[in-house]
């Protein structure tokens, strides 16, 4: 699988997971599991370049890193964090601008 297709597929998936956690229709542990599985799949691609291909990929990695750092449970309890993640989702959906302070880098092996 090429990196671009991987990212495109995962952007769609993470948007659904994050939205579902925010809407409380999915327990946050499912998002944590998704991120863990995604990182495992990413390591199989053997990526050595840490520079994201485009803005969507940068926002994707930013979202992954933020949820990993603060925990998916923060989407239930931290209004500022929830707002920041909604900004990322709006960007993915083409209804928002690039998130302020978005720093997303690819993890490398």
PDB file of N, CA and C in Angstrom:
ATOM      1  N   UNK A   1       0.852  -1.178   0.000  1.00  0.00           N
ATOM      2  CA  UNK A   1       0.000   0.000   0.000  1.00  0.00           C
ATOM      3  C   UNK A   1       0.895   1.238   0.000  1.00  0.00           C
ATOM      4  N   UNK A   2       0.546   2.200  -0.830  1.00  0.00           N
ATOM      5  CA  UNK A   2       1.343   3.415  -0.852  1.00  0.00           C
ATOM      6  C   UNK A   2       0.914   4.347   0.280  1.00  0.00           C
ATOM      7  N   UNK A   3       1.816   5.209   0.673  1.00  0.00           N
ATOM      8  CA  UNK A   3       1.591   6.081   1.822  1.00  0.00           C
ATOM      9  C   UNK A   3       0.372   6.970   1.625  1.00  0.00           C
ATOM     10  N   UNK A   4       0.233   7.550   0.445  1.00  0.00           N
ATOM     11  CA  UNK A   4      -0.888   8.459   0.188  1.00  0.00           C
ATOM     12  C   UNK A   4      -2.235   7.758   0.385  1.00  0.00           C
ATOM     13  N   UNK A   5      -2.361   6.544  -0.115  1.00  0.00           N
ATOM     14  CA  UNK A   5      -3.612   5.798   0.046  1.00  0.00           C
ATOM     15  C   UNK A   5      -3.847   5.433   1.507  1.00  0.00           C
ATOM     16  N   UNK A   6      -2.776   5.060   2.200  1.00  0.00           N
ATOM     17  CA  UNK A   6      -2.874   4.744   3.623  1.00  0.00           C
ATOM     18  C   UNK A   6      -3.440   5.950   4.375  1.00  0.00           C
ATOM     19  N   UNK A   7      -2.859   7.123   4.149  1.00  0.00           N
ATOM     20  CA  UNK A   7      -3.293   8.340   4.839  1.00  0.00           C
ATOM     21  C   UNK A   7      -4.738   8.674   4.475  1.00  0.00           C
ATOM     22  N   UNK A   8      -5.077   8.605   3.193  1.00  0.00           N
ATOM     23  CA  UNK A   8      -6.449   8.915   2.775  1.00  0.00           C
ATOM     24  C   UNK A   8      -7.464   8.006   3.463  1.00  0.00           C
ATOM     25  N   UNK A   9      -7.148   6.718   3.540  1.00  0.00           N
ATOM     26  CA  UNK A   9      -8.043   5.769   4.207  1.00  0.00           C
ATOM     27  C   UNK A   9      -8.159   6.076   5.704  1.00  0.00           C
ATOM     28  N   UNK A  10      -7.027   6.353   6.333  1.00  0.00           N
ATOM     29  CA  UNK A  10      -7.009   6.579   7.775  1.00  0.00           C
ATOM     30  C   UNK A  10      -7.652   7.908   8.163  1.00  0.00           C
ATOM     31  N   UNK A  11      -7.547   8.922   7.294  1.00  0.00           N
ATOM     32  CA  UNK A  11      -8.201  10.205   7.567  1.00  0.00           C
ATOM     33  C   UNK A  11      -9.710   9.997   7.673  1.00  0.00           C
ATOM     34  N   UNK A  12     -10.259   9.246   6.743  1.00  0.00           N
ATOM     35  CA  UNK A  12     -11.696   8.968   6.775  1.00  0.00           C
ATOM     36  C   UNK A  12     -12.077   8.221   8.043  1.00  0.00           C
ATOM     37  N   UNK A  13     -11.263   7.245   8.412  1.00  0.00           N
ATOM     38  CA  UNK A  13     -11.557   6.427   9.580  1.00  0.00           C
ATOM     39  C   UNK A  13     -11.427   7.215  10.883  1.00  0.00           C
ATOM     40  N   UNK A  14     -10.343   7.972  11.018  1.00  0.00           N
ATOM     41  CA  UNK A  14     -10.153   8.692  12.286  1.00  0.00           C
ATOM     42  C   UNK A  14     -11.212   9.766  12.463  1.00  0.00           C
ATOM     43  N   UNK A  15     -11.666  10.349  11.365  1.00  0.00           N
ATOM     44  CA  UNK A  15     -12.728  11.353  11.463  1.00  0.00           C
ATOM     45  C   UNK A  15     -13.990  10.729  12.057  1.00  0.00           C
ATOM     46  N   UNK A  16     -14.300   9.521  11.643  1.00  0.00           N
ATOM     47  CA  UNK A  16     -15.479   8.818  12.177  1.00  0.00           C
ATOM     48  C   UNK A  16     -15.270   8.487  13.653  1.00  0.00           C
ATOM     49  N   UNK A  17     -14.105   7.976  13.994  1.00  0.00           N
ATOM     50  CA  UNK A  17     -13.824   7.612  15.390  1.00  0.00           C
ATOM     51  C   UNK A  17     -13.882   8.824  16.313  1.00  0.00           C
ATOM     52  N   UNK A  18     -13.192   9.903  15.936  1.00  0.00           N
ATOM     53  CA  UNK A  18     -13.158  11.088  16.800  1.00  0.00           C
ATOM     54  C   UNK A  18     -14.556  11.679  16.948  1.00  0.00           C
ATOM     55  N   UNK A  19     -15.282  11.779  15.842  1.00  0.00           N
ATOM     56  CA  UNK A  19     -16.655  12.310  15.905  1.00  0.00           C
ATOM     57  C   UNK A  19     -17.531  11.453  16.821  1.00  0.00           C
ATOM     58  N   UNK A  20     -17.392  10.157  16.705  1.00  0.00           N
ATOM     59  CA  UNK A  20     -18.208   9.250  17.523  1.00  0.00           C
ATOM     60  C   UNK A  20     -17.871   9.390  19.011  1.00  0.00           C
ATOM     61  N   UNK A  21     -16.606   9.562  19.334  1.00  0.00           N
ATOM     62  CA  UNK A  21     -16.218   9.747  20.738  1.00  0.00           C
ATOM     63  C   UNK A  21     -16.761  11.079  21.249  1.00  0.00           C
ATOM     64  N   UNK A  22     -16.630  12.131  20.448  1.00  0.00           N
ATOM     65  CA  UNK A  22     -17.146  13.439  20.848  1.00  0.00           C
ATOM     66  C   UNK A  22     -18.654  13.377  21.063  1.00  0.00           C
ATOM     67  N   UNK A  23     -19.352  12.663  20.187  1.00  0.00           N
ATOM     68  CA  UNK A  23     -20.809  12.543  20.288  1.00  0.00           C
ATOM     69  C   UNK A  23     -21.252  11.493  21.305  1.00  0.00           C
ATOM     70  N   UNK A  24     -20.270  10.863  21.935  1.00  0.00           N
ATOM     71  CA  UNK A  24     -20.522   9.837  22.951  1.00  0.00           C
ATOM     72  C   UNK A  24     -21.291   8.629  22.416  1.00  0.00           C
ATOM     73  N   UNK A  25     -21.105   8.345  21.127  1.00  0.00           N
ATOM     74  CA  UNK A  25     -21.711   7.136  20.563  1.00  0.00           C
ATOM     75  C   UNK A  25     -20.688   6.000  20.470  1.00  0.00           C
ATOM     76  N   UNK A  26     -19.460   6.290  20.898  1.00  0.00           N
ATOM     77  CA  UNK A  26     -18.392   5.292  20.906  1.00  0.00           C
ATOM     78  C   UNK A  26     -17.512   5.563  22.119  1.00  0.00           C
ATOM     79  N   UNK A  27     -17.120   4.510  22.806  1.00  0.00           N
ATOM     80  CA  UNK A  27     -16.255   4.672  23.970  1.00  0.00           C
ATOM     81  C   UNK A  27     -14.848   5.051  23.489  1.00  0.00           C
ATOM     82  N   UNK A  28     -14.188   5.935  24.234  1.00  0.00           N
ATOM     83  CA  UNK A  28     -12.878   6.433  23.822  1.00  0.00           C
ATOM     84  C   UNK A  28     -11.815   5.344  23.707  1.00  0.00           C
ATOM     85  N   UNK A  29     -11.998   4.221  24.369  1.00  0.00           N
ATOM     86  CA  UNK A  29     -11.004   3.147  24.243  1.00  0.00           C
ATOM     87  C   UNK A  29     -10.954   2.607  22.812  1.00  0.00           C
ATOM     88  N   UNK A  30     -12.068   2.702  22.096  1.00  0.00           N
ATOM     89  CA  UNK A  30     -12.076   2.266  20.692  1.00  0.00           C
ATOM     90  C   UNK A  30     -11.166   3.161  19.854  1.00  0.00           C
ATOM     91  N   UNK A  31     -11.159   4.458  20.132  1.00  0.00           N
ATOM     92  CA  UNK A  31     -10.261   5.390  19.439  1.00  0.00           C
ATOM     93  C   UNK A  31      -8.814   5.073  19.793  1.00  0.00           C
ATOM     94  N   UNK A  32      -8.550   4.812  21.065  1.00  0.00           N
ATOM     95  CA  UNK A  32      -7.194   4.429  21.473  1.00  0.00           C
ATOM     96  C   UNK A  32      -6.741   3.172  20.735  1.00  0.00           C
ATOM     97  N   UNK A  33      -7.629   2.193  20.619  1.00  0.00           N
ATOM     98  CA  UNK A  33      -7.299   0.958  19.887  1.00  0.00           C
ATOM     99  C   UNK A  33      -7.049   1.231  18.408  1.00  0.00           C
ATOM    100  N   UNK A  34      -7.864   2.103  17.817  1.00  0.00           N
ATOM    101  CA  UNK A  34      -7.676   2.461  16.416  1.00  0.00           C
ATOM    102  C   UNK A  34      -6.294   3.086  16.202  1.00  0.00           C
ATOM    103  N   UNK A  35      -5.920   4.002  17.083  1.00  0.00           N
ATOM    104  CA  UNK A  35      -4.615   4.663  16.949  1.00  0.00           C
ATOM    105  C   UNK A  35      -3.489   3.651  17.097  1.00  0.00           C
ATOM    106  N   UNK A  36      -3.600   2.766  18.062  1.00  0.00           N
ATOM    107  CA  UNK A  36      -2.584   1.734  18.252  1.00  0.00           C
ATOM    108  C   UNK A  36      -2.468   0.843  17.009  1.00  0.00           C
ATOM    109  N   UNK A  37      -3.600   0.424  16.469  1.00  0.00           N
ATOM    110  CA  UNK A  37      -3.603  -0.408  15.260  1.00  0.00           C
ATOM    111  C   UNK A  37      -3.010   0.351  14.067  1.00  0.00           C
ATOM    112  N   UNK A  38      -3.367   1.628  13.953  1.00  0.00           N
ATOM    113  CA  UNK A  38      -2.861   2.458  12.851  1.00  0.00           C
ATOM    114  C   UNK A  38      -1.343   2.577  12.930  1.00  0.00           C
ATOM    115  N   UNK A  39      -0.826   2.799  14.123  1.00  0.00           N
ATOM    116  CA  UNK A  39       0.626   2.918  14.272  1.00  0.00           C
ATOM    117  C   UNK A  39       1.309   1.591  13.943  1.00  0.00           C
ATOM    118  N   UNK A  40       0.697   0.482  14.311  1.00  0.00           N
ATOM    119  CA  UNK A  40       1.250  -0.826  13.961  1.00  0.00           C
ATOM    120  C   UNK A  40       1.284  -1.027  12.451  1.00  0.00           C
ATOM    121  N   UNK A  41       0.206  -0.646  11.784  1.00  0.00           N
ATOM    122  CA  UNK A  41       0.157  -0.755  10.319  1.00  0.00           C
ATOM    123  C   UNK A  41       1.171   0.173   9.669  1.00  0.00           C
ATOM    124  N   UNK A  42       1.350   1.366  10.243  1.00  0.00           N
ATOM    125  CA  UNK A  42       2.289   2.350   9.695  1.00  0.00           C
ATOM    126  C   UNK A  42       3.714   1.793   9.710  1.00  0.00           C
ATOM    127  N   UNK A  43       4.072   1.087  10.777  1.00  0.00           N
ATOM    128  CA  UNK A  43       5.435   0.549  10.861  1.00  0.00           C
ATOM    129  C   UNK A  43       5.699  -0.484   9.768  1.00  0.00           C
ATOM    130  N   UNK A  44       4.657  -1.137   9.289  1.00  0.00           N
ATOM    131  CA  UNK A  44       4.830  -2.119   8.213  1.00  0.00           C
ATOM    132  C   UNK A  44       5.188  -1.466   6.891  1.00  0.00           C
ATOM    133  N   UNK A  45       4.898  -0.150   6.758  1.00  0.00           N
ATOM    134  CA  UNK A  45       5.203   0.560   5.517  1.00  0.00           C
ATOM    135  C   UNK A  45       6.680   0.950   5.417  1.00  0.00           C
ATOM    136  N   UNK A  46       7.398   0.853   6.521  1.00  0.00           N
ATOM    137  CA  UNK A  46       8.846   1.145   6.554  1.00  0.00           C
ATOM    138  C   UNK A  46       9.159   2.549   6.028  1.00  0.00           C
ATOM    139  N   UNK A  47       8.446   3.550   6.514  1.00  0.00           N
ATOM    140  CA  UNK A  47       8.627   4.932   6.073  1.00  0.00           C
ATOM    141  C   UNK A  47       9.875   5.517   6.716  1.00  0.00           C
ATOM    142  N   UNK A  48      10.706   6.171   5.909  1.00  0.00           N
ATOM    143  CA  UNK A  48      11.919   6.790   6.431  1.00  0.00           C
ATOM    144  C   UNK A  48      11.912   8.311   6.294  1.00  0.00           C
ATOM    145  N   UNK A  49      10.975   8.868   5.547  1.00  0.00           N
ATOM    146  CA  UNK A  49      10.874  10.319   5.379  1.00  0.00           C
ATOM    147  C   UNK A  49       9.851  10.857   6.360  1.00  0.00           C
ATOM    148  N   UNK A  50      10.256  11.798   7.225  1.00  0.00           N
ATOM    149  CA  UNK A  50       9.341  12.312   8.235  1.00  0.00           C
ATOM    150  C   UNK A  50       8.501  13.487   7.744  1.00  0.00           C
ATOM    151  N   UNK A  51       8.720  13.951   6.518  1.00  0.00           N
ATOM    152  CA  UNK A  51       7.999  15.099   5.992  1.00  0.00           C
ATOM    153  C   UNK A  51       6.660  14.675   5.392  1.00  0.00           C
ATOM    154  N   UNK A  52       5.549  15.154   5.955  1.00  0.00           N
ATOM    155  CA  UNK A  52       4.241  14.804   5.397  1.00  0.00           C
ATOM    156  C   UNK A  52       4.089  15.299   3.966  1.00  0.00           C
ATOM    157  N   UNK A  53       3.278  14.583   3.202  1.00  0.00           N
ATOM    158  CA  UNK A  53       3.092  14.875   1.785  1.00  0.00           C
ATOM    159  C   UNK A  53       2.238  16.112   1.547  1.00  0.00           C
ATOM    160  N   UNK A  54       1.264  16.381   2.421  1.00  0.00           N
ATOM    161  CA  UNK A  54       0.363  17.510   2.198  1.00  0.00           C
ATOM    162  C   UNK A  54      -0.250  17.955   3.522  1.00  0.00           C
ATOM    163  N   UNK A  55      -1.073  19.000   3.447  1.00  0.00           N
ATOM    164  CA  UNK A  55      -1.684  19.561   4.658  1.00  0.00           C
ATOM    165  C   UNK A  55      -2.588  18.548   5.343  1.00  0.00           C
ATOM    166  N   UNK A  56      -3.344  17.777   4.577  1.00  0.00           N
ATOM    167  CA  UNK A  56      -4.236  16.780   5.182  1.00  0.00           C
ATOM    168  C   UNK A  56      -3.446  15.778   6.004  1.00  0.00           C
ATOM    169  N   UNK A  57      -2.307  15.337   5.487  1.00  0.00           N
ATOM    170  CA  UNK A  57      -1.484  14.383   6.235  1.00  0.00           C
ATOM    171  C   UNK A  57      -0.913  15.031   7.491  1.00  0.00           C
ATOM    172  N   UNK A  58      -0.503  16.307   7.413  1.00  0.00           N
ATOM    173  CA  UNK A  58       0.016  16.990   8.606  1.00  0.00           C
ATOM    174  C   UNK A  58      -1.065  17.063   9.692  1.00  0.00           C
ATOM    175  N   UNK A  59      -2.293  17.379   9.289  1.00  0.00           N
ATOM    176  CA  UNK A  59      -3.385  17.456  10.261  1.00  0.00           C
ATOM    177  C   UNK A  59      -3.676  16.068  10.830  1.00  0.00           C
ATOM    178  N   UNK A  60      -3.621  15.043   9.989  1.00  0.00           N
ATOM    179  CA  UNK A  60      -3.830  13.673  10.450  1.00  0.00           C
ATOM    180  C   UNK A  60      -2.823  13.319  11.539  1.00  0.00           C
ATOM    181  N   UNK A  61      -1.527  13.552  11.282  1.00  0.00           N
ATOM    182  CA  UNK A  61      -0.508  13.199  12.278  1.00  0.00           C
ATOM    183  C   UNK A  61      -0.626  14.074  13.521  1.00  0.00           C
ATOM    184  N   UNK A  62      -1.003  15.330  13.332  1.00  0.00           N
ATOM    185  CA  UNK A  62      -1.219  16.209  14.486  1.00  0.00           C
ATOM    186  C   UNK A  62      -2.313  15.629  15.379  1.00  0.00           C
ATOM    187  N   UNK A  63      -3.421  15.229  14.779  1.00  0.00           N
ATOM    188  CA  UNK A  63      -4.536  14.655  15.525  1.00  0.00           C
ATOM    189  C   UNK A  63      -4.104  13.376  16.240  1.00  0.00           C
ATOM    190  N   UNK A  64      -3.385  12.510  15.547  1.00  0.00           N
ATOM    191  CA  UNK A  64      -2.894  11.256  16.156  1.00  0.00           C
ATOM    192  C   UNK A  64      -2.007  11.568  17.366  1.00  0.00           C
ATOM    193  N   UNK A  65      -1.068  12.498  17.186  1.00  0.00           N
ATOM    194  CA  UNK A  65      -0.146  12.823  18.279  1.00  0.00           C
ATOM    195  C   UNK A  65      -0.878  13.462  19.458  1.00  0.00           C
ATOM    196  N   UNK A  66      -1.811  14.362  19.182  1.00  0.00           N
ATOM    197  CA  UNK A  66      -2.541  15.034  20.253  1.00  0.00           C
ATOM    198  C   UNK A  66      -3.393  14.046  21.055  1.00  0.00           C
ATOM    199  N   UNK A  67      -4.116  13.182  20.361  1.00  0.00           N
ATOM    200  CA  UNK A  67      -4.945  12.203  21.071  1.00  0.00           C
ATOM    201  C   UNK A  67      -4.052  11.235  21.849  1.00  0.00           C
ATOM    202  N   UNK A  68      -2.914  10.865  21.273  1.00  0.00           N
ATOM    203  CA  UNK A  68      -1.987   9.979  21.984  1.00  0.00           C
ATOM    204  C   UNK A  68      -1.407  10.661  23.224  1.00  0.00           C
ATOM    205  N   UNK A  69      -1.131  11.951  23.113  1.00  0.00           N
ATOM    206  CA  UNK A  69      -0.546  12.695  24.229  1.00  0.00           C
ATOM    207  C   UNK A  69      -1.559  12.935  25.351  1.00  0.00           C
ATOM    208  N   UNK A  70      -2.741  13.412  24.991  1.00  0.00           N
ATOM    209  CA  UNK A  70      -3.737  13.783  25.999  1.00  0.00           C
ATOM    210  C   UNK A  70      -4.700  12.658  26.343  1.00  0.00           C
ATOM    211  N   UNK A  71      -4.759  11.655  25.497  1.00  0.00           N
ATOM    212  CA  UNK A  71      -5.670  10.541  25.713  1.00  0.00           C
ATOM    213  C   UNK A  71      -7.028  10.821  25.087  1.00  0.00           C
ATOM    214  N   UNK A  72      -7.608   9.797  24.529  1.00  0.00           N
ATOM    215  CA  UNK A  72      -8.912   9.955  23.881  1.00  0.00           C
ATOM    216  C   UNK A  72      -9.974  10.379  24.886  1.00  0.00           C
ATOM    217  N   UNK A  73      -9.769  10.062  26.160  1.00  0.00           N
ATOM    218  CA  UNK A  73     -10.731  10.449  27.192  1.00  0.00           C
ATOM    219  C   UNK A  73     -10.854  11.973  27.285  1.00  0.00           C
ATOM    220  N   UNK A  74      -9.803  12.701  26.898  1.00  0.00           N
ATOM    221  CA  UNK A  74      -9.854  14.166  26.926  1.00  0.00           C
ATOM    222  C   UNK A  74     -10.953  14.703  26.018  1.00  0.00           C
ATOM    223  N   UNK A  75     -11.348  13.933  25.002  1.00  0.00           N
ATOM    224  CA  UNK A  75     -12.443  14.359  24.130  1.00  0.00           C
ATOM    225  C   UNK A  75     -13.769  14.425  24.887  1.00  0.00           C
ATOM    226  N   UNK A  76     -13.873  13.710  25.980  1.00  0.00           N
ATOM    227  CA  UNK A  76     -15.080  13.758  26.806  1.00  0.00           C
ATOM    228  C   UNK A  76     -15.014  14.847  27.860  1.00  0.00           C
ATOM    229  N   UNK A  77     -13.821  15.174  28.330  1.00  0.00           N
ATOM    230  CA  UNK A  77     -13.685  16.008  29.514  1.00  0.00           C
ATOM    231  C   UNK A  77     -13.090  17.395  29.296  1.00  0.00           C
ATOM    232  N   UNK A  78     -12.402  17.626  28.213  1.00  0.00           N
ATOM    233  CA  UNK A  78     -11.682  18.883  28.007  1.00  0.00           C
ATOM    234  C   UNK A  78     -12.290  19.628  26.815  1.00  0.00           C
ATOM    235  N   UNK A  79     -13.028  20.691  27.104  1.00  0.00           N
ATOM    236  CA  UNK A  79     -13.718  21.424  26.042  1.00  0.00           C
ATOM    237  C   UNK A  79     -12.756  22.065  25.050  1.00  0.00           C
ATOM    238  N   UNK A  80     -11.632  22.578  25.529  1.00  0.00           N
ATOM    239  CA  UNK A  80     -10.653  23.175  24.628  1.00  0.00           C
ATOM    240  C   UNK A  80     -10.079  22.120  23.686  1.00  0.00           C
ATOM    241  N   UNK A  81      -9.739  20.966  24.233  1.00  0.00           N
ATOM    242  CA  UNK A  81      -9.190  19.878  23.421  1.00  0.00           C
ATOM    243  C   UNK A  81     -10.221  19.413  22.398  1.00  0.00           C
ATOM    244  N   UNK A  82     -11.448  19.279  22.828  1.00  0.00           N
ATOM    245  CA  UNK A  82     -12.522  18.866  21.925  1.00  0.00           C
ATOM    246  C   UNK A  82     -12.670  19.876  20.781  1.00  0.00           C
ATOM    247  N   UNK A  83     -12.600  21.156  21.103  1.00  0.00           N
ATOM    248  CA  UNK A  83     -12.696  22.206  20.086  1.00  0.00           C
ATOM    249  C   UNK A  83     -11.545  22.123  19.089  1.00  0.00           C
ATOM    250  N   UNK A  84     -10.341  21.873  19.597  1.00  0.00           N
ATOM    251  CA  UNK A  84      -9.167  21.737  18.734  1.00  0.00           C
ATOM    252  C   UNK A  84      -9.326  20.546  17.787  1.00  0.00           C
ATOM    253  N   UNK A  85      -9.827  19.444  18.303  1.00  0.00           N
ATOM    254  CA  UNK A  85     -10.016  18.257  17.468  1.00  0.00           C
ATOM    255  C   UNK A  85     -11.143  18.466  16.444  1.00  0.00           C
ATOM    256  N   UNK A  86     -12.189  19.205  16.833  1.00  0.00           N
ATOM    257  CA  UNK A  86     -13.254  19.536  15.891  1.00  0.00           C
ATOM    258  C   UNK A  86     -12.737  20.414  14.755  1.00  0.00           C
ATOM    259  N   UNK A  87     -11.789  21.275  15.053  1.00  0.00           N
ATOM    260  CA  UNK A  87     -11.172  22.101  14.007  1.00  0.00           C
ATOM    261  C   UNK A  87     -10.460  21.214  12.994  1.00  0.00           C
ATOM    262  N   UNK A  88      -9.788  20.183  13.473  1.00  0.00           N
ATOM    263  CA  UNK A  88      -9.128  19.230  12.568  1.00  0.00           C
ATOM    264  C   UNK A  88     -10.164  18.495  11.716  1.00  0.00           C
ATOM    265  N   UNK A  89     -11.257  18.081  12.339  1.00  0.00           N
ATOM    266  CA  UNK A  89     -12.310  17.376  11.602  1.00  0.00           C
ATOM    267  C   UNK A  89     -12.947  18.284  10.554  1.00  0.00           C
ATOM    268  N   UNK A  90     -13.166  19.546  10.900  1.00  0.00           N
ATOM    269  CA  UNK A  90     -13.723  20.491   9.931  1.00  0.00           C
ATOM    270  C   UNK A  90     -12.781  20.648   8.739  1.00  0.00           C
ATOM    271  N   UNK A  91     -11.483  20.688   9.010  1.00  0.00           N
ATOM    272  CA  UNK A  91     -10.506  20.784   7.925  1.00  0.00           C
ATOM    273  C   UNK A  91     -10.595  19.559   7.019  1.00  0.00           C
ATOM    274  N   UNK A  92     -10.682  18.374   7.612  1.00  0.00           N
ATOM    275  CA  UNK A  92     -10.819  17.145   6.826  1.00  0.00           C
ATOM    276  C   UNK A  92     -12.067  17.182   5.949  1.00  0.00           C
ATOM    277  N   UNK A  93     -13.144  17.766   6.482  1.00  0.00           N
ATOM    278  CA  UNK A  93     -14.420  17.805   5.765  1.00  0.00           C
ATOM    279  C   UNK A  93     -14.534  18.981   4.796  1.00  0.00           C
ATOM    280  N   UNK A  94     -13.468  19.780   4.704  1.00  0.00           N
ATOM    281  CA  UNK A  94     -13.465  20.897   3.758  1.00  0.00           C
ATOM    282  C   UNK A  94     -14.327  22.073   4.184  1.00  0.00           C
ATOM    283  N   UNK A  95     -14.682  22.151   5.467  1.00  0.00           N
ATOM    284  CA  UNK A  95     -15.508  23.258   5.927  1.00  0.00           C
ATOM    285  C   UNK A  95     -14.774  24.157   6.916  1.00  0.00           C
ATOM    286  N   UNK A  96     -13.505  23.939   7.076  1.00  0.00           N
ATOM    287  CA  UNK A  96     -12.713  24.744   8.002  1.00  0.00           C
ATOM    288  C   UNK A  96     -11.331  25.000   7.430  1.00  0.00           C
ATOM    289  N   UNK A  97     -10.625  25.902   8.083  1.00  0.00           N
ATOM    290  CA  UNK A  97      -9.278  26.217   7.629  1.00  0.00           C
ATOM    291  C   UNK A  97      -8.253  25.355   8.368  1.00  0.00           C
ATOM    292  N   UNK A  98      -7.017  25.458   7.917  1.00  0.00           N
ATOM    293  CA  UNK A  98      -5.917  24.704   8.514  1.00  0.00           C
ATOM    294  C   UNK A  98      -5.810  25.086   9.994  1.00  0.00           C
ATOM    295  N   UNK A  99      -5.776  24.106  10.884  1.00  0.00           N
ATOM    296  CA  UNK A  99      -5.751  24.396  12.329  1.00  0.00           C
ATOM    297  C   UNK A  99      -4.514  25.195  12.757  1.00  0.00           C
ATOM    298  N   UNK A 100      -4.748  26.171  13.613  1.00  0.00           N
ATOM    299  CA  UNK A 100      -3.650  26.969  14.172  1.00  0.00           C
ATOM    300  C   UNK A 100      -2.786  26.055  15.046  1.00  0.00           C
ATOM    301  N   UNK A 101      -1.491  26.273  15.016  1.00  0.00           N
ATOM    302  CA  UNK A 101      -0.539  25.504  15.826  1.00  0.00           C
ATOM    303  C   UNK A 101      -0.519  24.024  15.485  1.00  0.00           C
ATOM    304  N   UNK A 102      -0.866  23.695  14.265  1.00  0.00           N
ATOM    305  CA  UNK A 102      -0.856  22.297  13.831  1.00  0.00           C
ATOM    306  C   UNK A 102       0.553  21.921  13.400  1.00  0.00           C
ATOM    307  N   UNK A 103       1.132  20.991  14.118  1.00  0.00           N
ATOM    308  CA  UNK A 103       2.456  20.482  13.773  1.00  0.00           C
ATOM    309  C   UNK A 103       2.335  18.974  13.708  1.00  0.00           C
ATOM    310  N   UNK A 104       2.247  18.452  12.507  1.00  0.00           N
ATOM    311  CA  UNK A 104       2.121  17.024  12.341  1.00  0.00           C
ATOM    312  C   UNK A 104       3.257  16.449  11.518  1.00  0.00           C
ATOM    313  N   UNK A 105       4.032  15.596  12.130  1.00  0.00           N
ATOM    314  CA  UNK A 105       5.147  14.932  11.439  1.00  0.00           C
ATOM    315  C   UNK A 105       4.915  13.439  11.434  1.00  0.00           C
ATOM    316  N   UNK A 106       5.361  12.834  10.347  1.00  0.00           N
ATOM    317  CA  UNK A 106       5.271  11.375  10.237  1.00  0.00           C
ATOM    318  C   UNK A 106       6.216  10.722  11.234  1.00  0.00           C
ATOM    319  N   UNK A 107       5.758   9.691  11.904  1.00  0.00           N
ATOM    320  CA  UNK A 107       6.708   8.893  12.689  1.00  0.00           C
ATOM    321  C   UNK A 107       7.567   8.076  11.727  1.00  0.00           C
ATOM    322  N   UNK A 108       8.832   7.937  12.050  1.00  0.00           N
ATOM    323  CA  UNK A 108       9.707   7.132  11.213  1.00  0.00           C
ATOM    324  C   UNK A 108      10.280   5.980  12.014  1.00  0.00           C
ATOM    325  N   UNK A 109      10.658   4.953  11.298  1.00  0.00           N
ATOM    326  CA  UNK A 109      11.185   3.751  11.946  1.00  0.00           C
ATOM    327  C   UNK A 109      12.588   3.953  12.447  1.00  0.00           C
TER     328      UNK A 109
END
